[in-house]
Amino acid sequence: MRNLNALAAFRDVARAGGYAAAERATGQSRATLSRNVISLEEELGVRLIERSRRSFRLTEAGAELFARCDDLLAQIDEAVSMVDSEQPEPRGLVRIAIPPSLLQLGLGEAILEFQMQAPKVRLQMEVSNREVDLRHESVDFVIRARSRQDYPLDFVPVSLLRMERVIVVHPRWRKHLGPTLEETLKTVPAIAWDGLSGRSHWRLRDADGALHDLPLEPRLIADDISILRASILEGLGMGIVPRTYVEEDLALGRLDLVTLDLRPTESIIHAVHLGRHGMRPAVAQLLDWLKGAAKRMARGSGTS
């Protein structure tokens, strides 16, 4: 067995009883989970899951593999944790990349707290929105926020926090809000996070949970959360931002919440690395520290 990530994905899907439930439980996208399971089936040369739109069922081979691998993977996790706990004091250089907006959520404080607890660890932190190439750059892991985790099979995402995102607008646009978001965008300009040649899109859900891609021609495109918030506060248009960044603005009436037919998908804050095989103790311990810090932050904010 050369791909434990694929085996773990199969275990997660089988344990959850389906891809949608596994997506919610693990934070990995349905596409990533499916690719891993298909890869495992191709490697073993046997079908593990009977697929249909109305039902989910393990094949006889799948049921037998799940019964054995669930305990096996638990033992591996336990063994890795035991080895990590017996390592000497972590030391050496750890290189990570993180967007500036995520540092403001409390992750920056958590990273500094780790360094206080691990004085022999040196940290090189790239704070930018640049897309880091994990395979070819000297980075141990990156921290990102996305609504989907469609990564290659050799990438390992580690979910940390989930952020509610909302559409907000200055009160001056209140009378221009239409019955639907698409109608509203004909009179209220959009402020977008990214785009190509002045165009962009919003990925949204309707009341039934179905996904929609709404094309935009934004008035402003900026990959900085502070600029986005400031531009919306100035009344340049409406935009999608994590609710935590505008909670006070909403409470004080500086911004209005736009709740029409479509709502933004939530954003999953996660770390991404290339697997624990060969991972240095300092890197593994920082990852574990961030997972613990994220759980404390989620309990404090009431999020998951």
Protein backbone atom coordinates (compact mmCIF):
# COMPACT_ATOMS: atom_id res chain seq x y z
CA MET A 1 0.00 0.00 0.00
CA ARG A 2 1.75 3.11 -1.23
CA ASN A 3 -0.88 5.76 -0.50
CA LEU A 4 -2.07 5.96 3.10
CA ASN A 5 -3.88 9.21 2.29
CA ALA A 6 -6.14 7.28 -0.11
CA LEU A 7 -6.76 4.62 2.52
CA ALA A 8 -7.60 7.28 5.10
CA ALA A 9 -10.02 8.94 2.64
CA PHE A 10 -11.77 5.60 2.09
CA ARG A 11 -11.98 5.09 5.87
CA ASP A 12 -13.48 8.57 6.34
CA VAL A 13 -16.09 8.05 3.58
CA ALA A 14 -17.04 4.59 4.85
CA ARG A 15 -17.24 5.77 8.45
CA ALA A 16 -19.41 8.76 7.52
CA GLY A 17 -21.68 6.71 5.27
CA GLY A 18 -21.22 8.83 2.17
CA TYR A 19 -19.18 11.51 0.45
CA ALA A 20 -21.32 14.47 1.52
CA ALA A 21 -21.17 13.47 5.19
CA ALA A 22 -17.41 12.82 4.94
CA GLU A 23 -16.94 16.25 3.35
CA ARG A 24 -18.68 17.88 6.31
CA ALA A 25 -16.77 15.78 8.84
CA THR A 26 -13.26 16.19 7.42
CA GLY A 27 -13.35 19.50 5.54
CA GLN A 28 -11.97 17.79 2.43
CA SER A 29 -13.97 18.32 -0.75
CA ARG A 30 -16.11 15.56 -2.19
CA ALA A 31 -13.97 15.62 -5.34
CA THR A 32 -10.75 15.05 -3.36
CA LEU A 33 -12.30 12.22 -1.36
CA SER A 34 -13.66 10.62 -4.52
CA ARG A 35 -10.31 10.84 -6.32
CA ASN A 36 -8.58 9.18 -3.38
CA VAL A 37 -11.10 6.34 -3.23
CA ILE A 38 -10.92 5.76 -6.99
CA SER A 39 -7.10 5.77 -6.75
CA LEU A 40 -7.28 3.14 -4.00
CA GLU A 41 -9.69 0.98 -6.02
CA GLU A 42 -7.40 1.17 -9.05
CA GLU A 43 -4.40 0.21 -6.93
CA LEU A 44 -6.22 -2.76 -5.40
CA GLY A 45 -8.00 -3.74 -8.61
CA VAL A 46 -11.35 -4.09 -6.86
CA ARG A 47 -14.45 -1.95 -6.33
CA LEU A 48 -14.92 -0.85 -2.73
CA ILE A 49 -18.07 1.30 -2.93
CA GLU A 50 -21.23 0.79 -4.97
CA ARG A 51 -22.09 4.24 -6.32
CA SER A 52 -25.57 5.49 -7.13
CA ARG A 53 -27.47 8.74 -6.69
CA ARG A 54 -29.88 7.28 -4.15
CA SER A 55 -27.80 4.95 -2.03
CA PHE A 56 -24.35 4.35 -0.57
CA ARG A 57 -23.13 0.83 0.04
CA LEU A 58 -19.78 -0.83 0.62
CA THR A 59 -19.03 -3.89 -1.46
CA GLU A 60 -18.02 -7.07 0.32
CA ALA A 61 -14.36 -6.18 -0.29
CA GLY A 62 -14.98 -2.62 0.88
CA ALA A 63 -16.64 -3.76 4.11
CA GLU A 64 -13.75 -6.12 4.86
CA LEU A 65 -11.14 -3.45 4.12
CA PHE A 66 -12.94 -0.89 6.28
CA ALA A 67 -13.16 -3.29 9.21
CA ARG A 68 -9.41 -3.83 9.07
CA CYS A 69 -8.12 -0.39 8.08
CA ASP A 70 -10.17 1.58 10.64
CA ASP A 71 -8.29 -0.05 13.50
CA LEU A 72 -4.99 -0.01 11.56
CA LEU A 73 -5.13 3.73 10.86
CA ALA A 74 -6.06 4.41 14.48
CA GLN A 75 -2.95 2.47 15.55
CA ILE A 76 -0.81 4.46 13.09
CA ASP A 77 -2.17 7.76 14.43
CA GLU A 78 -1.49 6.58 17.97
CA ALA A 79 2.05 5.47 17.07
CA VAL A 80 2.83 8.80 15.37
CA SER A 81 1.54 10.71 18.39
CA MET A 82 3.62 8.54 20.73
CA VAL A 83 6.81 9.07 18.73
CA ASP A 84 6.17 12.80 18.53
CA SER A 85 5.61 13.03 22.28
CA GLU A 86 8.90 11.22 22.97
CA GLN A 87 10.97 13.52 20.75
CA PRO A 88 13.42 15.85 22.47
CA GLU A 89 12.65 19.55 22.66
CA PRO A 90 11.71 20.72 19.15
CA ARG A 91 14.38 22.69 17.38
CA GLY A 92 15.43 23.92 13.95
CA LEU A 93 13.94 26.10 11.23
CA VAL A 94 10.25 25.86 10.27
CA ARG A 95 9.07 27.64 7.14
CA ILE A 96 5.38 28.46 6.71
CA ALA A 97 3.26 30.77 4.55
CA ILE A 98 0.05 32.47 5.66
CA PRO A 99 -2.17 35.26 4.27
CA PRO A 100 -2.14 38.48 6.33
CA SER A 101 -5.91 38.34 6.89
CA LEU A 102 -5.64 34.98 8.71
CA LEU A 103 -3.03 36.30 11.12
CA GLN A 104 -5.68 38.72 12.39
CA LEU A 105 -8.00 35.86 13.39
CA GLY A 106 -5.81 34.77 16.27
CA LEU A 107 -3.53 32.40 14.38
CA GLY A 108 -0.70 34.93 14.61
CA GLU A 109 -0.96 34.93 18.41
CA ALA A 110 -1.06 31.12 18.44
CA ILE A 111 2.13 30.91 16.37
CA LEU A 112 3.92 33.34 18.69
CA GLU A 113 2.72 31.36 21.73
CA PHE A 114 4.23 28.22 20.20
CA GLN A 115 7.57 29.97 19.84
CA MET A 116 7.43 31.00 23.48
CA GLN A 117 6.96 27.32 24.37
CA ALA A 118 9.63 26.14 21.90
CA PRO A 119 12.54 28.59 22.21
CA LYS A 120 14.88 26.46 20.07
CA VAL A 121 12.55 26.63 17.05
CA ARG A 122 13.32 29.31 14.46
CA LEU A 123 10.41 30.39 12.31
CA GLN A 124 10.44 31.82 8.79
CA MET A 125 6.96 33.10 8.01
CA GLU A 126 5.95 34.44 4.61
CA VAL A 127 2.93 36.68 5.12
CA SER A 128 1.30 37.10 1.71
CA ASN A 129 -1.58 35.98 -0.51
CA ARG A 130 0.83 34.50 -3.04
CA GLU A 131 0.10 30.93 -4.21
CA VAL A 132 3.01 28.98 -2.74
CA ASP A 133 4.28 25.89 -4.62
CA LEU A 134 4.53 23.28 -1.87
CA ARG A 135 6.35 20.77 -4.04
CA HIS A 136 9.12 23.04 -5.27
CA GLU A 137 9.53 25.75 -2.62
CA SER A 138 11.21 25.34 0.75
CA VAL A 139 7.99 25.63 2.75
CA ASP A 140 6.90 23.08 5.37
CA PHE A 141 3.22 23.97 5.17
CA VAL A 142 0.89 26.77 4.14
CA ILE A 143 -2.24 28.07 5.82
CA ARG A 144 -5.14 28.96 3.55
CA ALA A 145 -8.85 29.77 3.61
CA ARG A 146 -11.02 28.21 0.90
CA SER A 147 -14.55 26.94 0.51
CA ARG A 148 -13.23 23.81 -1.24
CA GLN A 149 -10.12 21.70 -0.75
CA ASP A 150 -9.53 20.30 -4.22
CA TYR A 151 -5.88 19.39 -3.81
CA PRO A 152 -3.71 16.80 -5.58
CA LEU A 153 -3.58 13.38 -3.94
CA ASP A 154 -0.18 13.99 -2.35
CA PHE A 155 -1.36 17.16 -0.56
CA VAL A 156 -2.67 16.72 3.00
CA PRO A 157 -5.15 19.38 4.19
CA VAL A 158 -5.63 19.82 7.94
CA SER A 159 -8.85 21.65 8.82
CA LEU A 160 -8.49 24.28 11.55
CA LEU A 161 -11.52 26.61 11.57
CA ARG A 162 -14.69 27.31 9.61
CA MET A 163 -15.64 30.92 8.90
CA GLU A 164 -19.10 32.20 8.05
CA ARG A 165 -18.97 34.64 5.15
CA VAL A 166 -21.60 37.30 4.52
CA ILE A 167 -22.54 39.84 1.87
CA VAL A 168 -22.47 43.39 3.24
CA VAL A 169 -23.10 46.85 1.81
CA HIS A 170 -23.17 50.47 2.98
CA PRO A 171 -26.66 51.66 4.07
CA ARG A 172 -26.66 54.21 1.21
CA TRP A 173 -27.41 51.30 -1.15
CA ARG A 174 -30.32 50.00 0.92
CA LYS A 175 -33.05 51.26 -1.42
CA HIS A 176 -31.26 49.70 -4.42
CA LEU A 177 -31.53 46.11 -3.15
CA GLY A 178 -33.70 44.02 -5.47
CA PRO A 179 -35.64 40.79 -4.99
CA THR A 180 -32.63 38.66 -6.03
CA LEU A 181 -28.88 39.08 -5.80
CA GLU A 182 -28.52 38.92 -9.58
CA GLU A 183 -31.02 41.77 -9.98
CA THR A 184 -29.31 43.79 -7.24
CA LEU A 185 -25.93 43.53 -8.96
CA LYS A 186 -27.39 45.43 -11.92
CA THR A 187 -27.55 48.59 -9.77
CA VAL A 188 -25.15 47.96 -6.88
CA PRO A 189 -21.45 47.52 -7.80
CA ALA A 190 -19.53 44.47 -6.60
CA ILE A 191 -16.26 44.50 -4.66
CA ALA A 192 -14.37 41.25 -5.30
CA TRP A 193 -11.41 39.41 -3.82
CA ASP A 194 -9.92 38.25 -7.10
CA GLY A 195 -10.54 38.25 -10.83
CA LEU A 196 -8.99 38.00 -14.26
CA SER A 197 -9.06 40.94 -16.70
CA GLY A 198 -11.52 42.80 -14.51
CA ARG A 199 -13.94 39.87 -14.25
CA SER A 200 -14.72 37.61 -11.34
CA HIS A 201 -17.48 35.45 -9.87
CA TRP A 202 -19.09 34.61 -6.55
CA ARG A 203 -19.72 31.01 -5.52
CA LEU A 204 -23.01 30.96 -3.62
CA ARG A 205 -25.68 28.61 -2.28
CA ASP A 206 -29.45 28.86 -2.56
CA ALA A 207 -31.96 27.91 0.13
CA ASP A 208 -31.79 24.24 -0.93
CA GLY A 209 -28.00 24.16 -0.70
CA ALA A 210 -27.38 24.06 -4.46
CA LEU A 211 -24.28 25.88 -5.67
CA HIS A 212 -24.39 28.78 -8.12
CA ASP A 213 -21.56 30.71 -9.81
CA LEU A 214 -22.62 34.33 -10.25
CA PRO A 215 -20.47 36.22 -12.80
CA LEU A 216 -19.31 39.71 -11.83
CA GLU A 217 -17.75 42.79 -13.34
CA PRO A 218 -16.37 44.23 -10.09
CA ARG A 219 -15.83 47.91 -9.48
CA LEU A 220 -12.80 46.95 -7.38
CA ILE A 221 -10.70 43.78 -7.13
CA ALA A 222 -8.34 43.50 -4.16
CA ASP A 223 -6.82 40.48 -2.39
CA ASP A 224 -6.55 42.27 0.95
CA ILE A 225 -9.34 42.00 3.53
CA SER A 226 -8.62 45.46 4.99
CA ILE A 227 -9.01 47.13 1.58
CA LEU A 228 -12.19 45.16 0.90
CA ARG A 229 -13.75 46.20 4.20
CA ALA A 230 -12.64 49.83 3.81
CA SER A 231 -14.05 50.07 0.28
CA ILE A 232 -17.40 48.68 1.38
CA LEU A 233 -17.48 51.07 4.34
CA GLU A 234 -16.83 53.95 1.94
CA GLY A 235 -19.90 52.91 -0.06
CA LEU A 236 -18.14 51.76 -3.22
CA GLY A 237 -20.29 48.65 -3.45
CA MET A 238 -21.16 45.35 -1.81
CA GLY A 239 -18.79 42.49 -1.13
CA ILE A 240 -18.34 39.14 0.57
CA VAL A 241 -16.26 39.12 3.76
CA PRO A 242 -15.90 36.81 6.77
CA ARG A 243 -18.50 37.86 9.31
CA THR A 244 -15.94 38.18 12.09
CA TYR A 245 -14.30 41.11 10.27
CA VAL A 246 -17.51 43.18 10.09
CA GLU A 247 -19.38 42.09 13.23
CA GLU A 248 -18.90 45.49 14.88
CA ASP A 249 -19.77 47.37 11.67
CA LEU A 250 -23.07 45.47 11.47
CA ALA A 251 -23.86 46.00 15.14
CA LEU A 252 -23.26 49.76 14.87
CA GLY A 253 -25.19 50.13 11.63
CA ARG A 254 -22.18 51.11 9.55
CA LEU A 255 -22.96 48.21 7.19
CA ASP A 256 -26.10 46.30 6.20
CA LEU A 257 -26.32 42.53 5.85
CA VAL A 258 -27.56 41.51 2.39
CA THR A 259 -29.77 38.43 2.76
CA LEU A 260 -31.45 37.70 -0.56
CA ASP A 261 -31.88 34.45 -2.49
CA LEU A 262 -28.21 33.41 -2.52
CA ARG A 263 -25.73 33.18 0.37
CA PRO A 264 -21.92 32.80 0.38
CA THR A 265 -20.37 29.43 1.11
CA GLU A 266 -18.41 29.14 4.32
CA SER A 267 -14.63 29.32 4.26
CA ILE A 268 -12.47 26.55 5.74
CA ILE A 269 -9.20 27.69 7.29
CA HIS A 270 -6.70 24.88 6.94
CA ALA A 271 -3.03 23.99 6.78
CA VAL A 272 -1.69 22.05 3.80
CA HIS A 273 1.45 19.88 3.78
CA LEU A 274 2.87 16.94 1.86
CA GLY A 275 2.41 14.27 4.53
CA ARG A 276 4.02 13.38 7.83
CA HIS A 277 6.52 10.97 6.30
CA GLY A 278 9.88 12.59 6.96
CA MET A 279 8.30 15.57 8.70
CA ARG A 280 10.60 17.05 11.33
CA PRO A 281 9.31 17.07 14.95
CA ALA A 282 9.26 20.88 15.12
CA VAL A 283 6.94 21.07 12.08
CA ALA A 284 4.63 18.35 13.39
CA GLN A 285 4.44 19.95 16.82
CA LEU A 286 3.62 23.38 15.36
CA LEU A 287 0.81 21.79 13.31
CA ASP A 288 -0.56 20.03 16.39
CA TRP A 289 -0.27 23.28 18.38
CA LEU A 290 -2.30 25.14 15.74
CA LYS A 291 -4.98 22.44 15.72
CA GLY A 292 -5.34 22.78 19.50
CA ALA A 293 -5.37 26.58 19.29
CA ALA A 294 -8.02 26.47 16.57
CA LYS A 295 -10.26 24.26 18.73
CA ARG A 296 -9.98 26.75 21.60
CA MET A 297 -10.75 29.64 19.24
CA ALA A 298 -13.80 27.79 17.85
CA ARG A 299 -15.16 27.11 21.35
CA GLY A 300 -14.66 30.77 22.25
CA SER A 301 -16.50 32.04 19.17
CA GLY A 302 -19.17 29.34 19.02
CA THR A 303 -18.05 28.18 15.56
CA SER A 304 -16.97 24.72 14.40
